[in-house]
Amino acid sequence: MSYKQKSGFITCPKCGFKFSILYARTVSCQGCSKMLSSLTCEYVKCPKCSFEFQISESAIKDIEALKKWSLDRPF
């Protein structure tokens, strides 16, 4: 199954809900041991229906860039 990625948003292939991958990481992936150990994962879970699906490598690279950008900027 594939998903659609447009303008930083992902569309769940099961329910059609559009969401930001950062939102999903914050809400849906919060207790995942894979996320807690490495902070990167090739899967994302839909915040609406909890369907877990694989994301593209480009989406993972976008997340890595955001993490690096946020570490470079003080709060």
Protein backbone atom coordinates (compact mmCIF):
# COMPACT_ATOMS: atom_id res chain seq x y z
CA MET A 1 0.00 0.00 0.00
CA SER A 2 1.17 3.48 -0.65
CA TYR A 3 0.33 6.87 0.73
CA LYS A 4 0.15 10.35 -0.72
CA GLN A 5 2.54 13.04 0.46
CA LYS A 6 1.83 16.64 -0.48
CA SER A 7 2.99 19.87 1.12
CA GLY A 8 4.32 18.15 4.22
CA PHE A 9 1.13 16.20 4.80
CA ILE A 10 0.49 12.48 4.52
CA THR A 11 -2.81 10.86 3.58
CA CYS A 12 -3.67 7.62 5.33
CA PRO A 13 -4.28 4.90 2.75
CA LYS A 14 -6.97 3.31 4.94
CA CYS A 15 -9.20 6.19 6.11
CA GLY A 16 -8.05 9.13 3.95
CA PHE A 17 -7.17 11.36 6.92
CA LYS A 18 -4.55 14.01 6.05
CA PHE A 19 -1.98 14.75 8.71
CA SER A 20 1.53 16.02 9.29
CA ILE A 21 4.15 13.36 9.99
CA LEU A 22 5.34 15.44 12.95
CA TYR A 23 1.81 15.41 14.35
CA ALA A 24 1.67 11.62 13.98
CA ARG A 25 5.03 11.22 15.68
CA THR A 26 3.84 13.35 18.59
CA VAL A 27 0.39 11.80 18.98
CA SER A 28 0.38 8.28 17.56
CA CYS A 29 3.98 7.17 17.93
CA GLN A 30 4.46 8.51 21.44
CA GLY A 31 4.82 5.16 23.22
CA CYS A 32 6.52 3.21 20.44
CA SER A 33 9.76 1.53 21.55
CA LYS A 34 11.26 1.94 18.08
CA MET A 35 10.76 5.71 18.18
CA LEU A 36 12.04 5.97 21.75
CA SER A 37 15.24 4.09 20.97
CA SER A 38 16.28 5.60 17.64
CA LEU A 39 13.92 8.55 16.99
CA THR A 40 13.61 7.37 13.40
CA CYS A 41 11.27 4.84 11.90
CA GLU A 42 10.17 3.92 8.42
CA TYR A 43 6.57 3.57 9.57
CA VAL A 44 3.93 6.03 10.68
CA LYS A 45 0.62 5.45 12.46
CA CYS A 46 -2.48 7.38 11.46
CA PRO A 47 -3.68 9.53 14.38
CA LYS A 48 -7.32 8.97 13.38
CA CYS A 49 -7.63 5.22 12.66
CA SER A 50 -4.30 3.90 14.08
CA PHE A 51 -3.42 2.19 10.80
CA GLU A 52 0.36 1.79 10.58
CA PHE A 53 2.02 2.04 7.17
CA GLN A 54 5.44 2.49 5.65
CA ILE A 55 6.58 5.95 4.58
CA SER A 56 9.03 6.88 1.87
CA GLU A 57 12.71 7.54 2.39
CA SER A 58 12.18 11.19 1.40
CA ALA A 59 9.74 11.65 4.28
CA ILE A 60 12.28 10.18 6.69
CA LYS A 61 14.93 12.58 5.35
CA ASP A 62 12.53 15.49 5.90
CA ILE A 63 12.14 14.46 9.54
CA GLU A 64 15.90 14.20 9.99
CA ALA A 65 16.34 17.69 8.52
CA LEU A 66 13.73 19.10 10.91
CA LYS A 67 15.40 17.45 13.89
CA LYS A 68 18.76 18.90 12.90
CA TRP A 69 17.24 22.33 12.32
CA SER A 70 15.56 22.33 15.73
CA LEU A 71 18.79 21.28 17.46
CA ASP A 72 20.63 24.18 15.83
CA ARG A 73 18.13 26.73 17.13
CA PRO A 74 17.83 27.57 20.82
CA PHE A 75 14.35 27.82 22.36
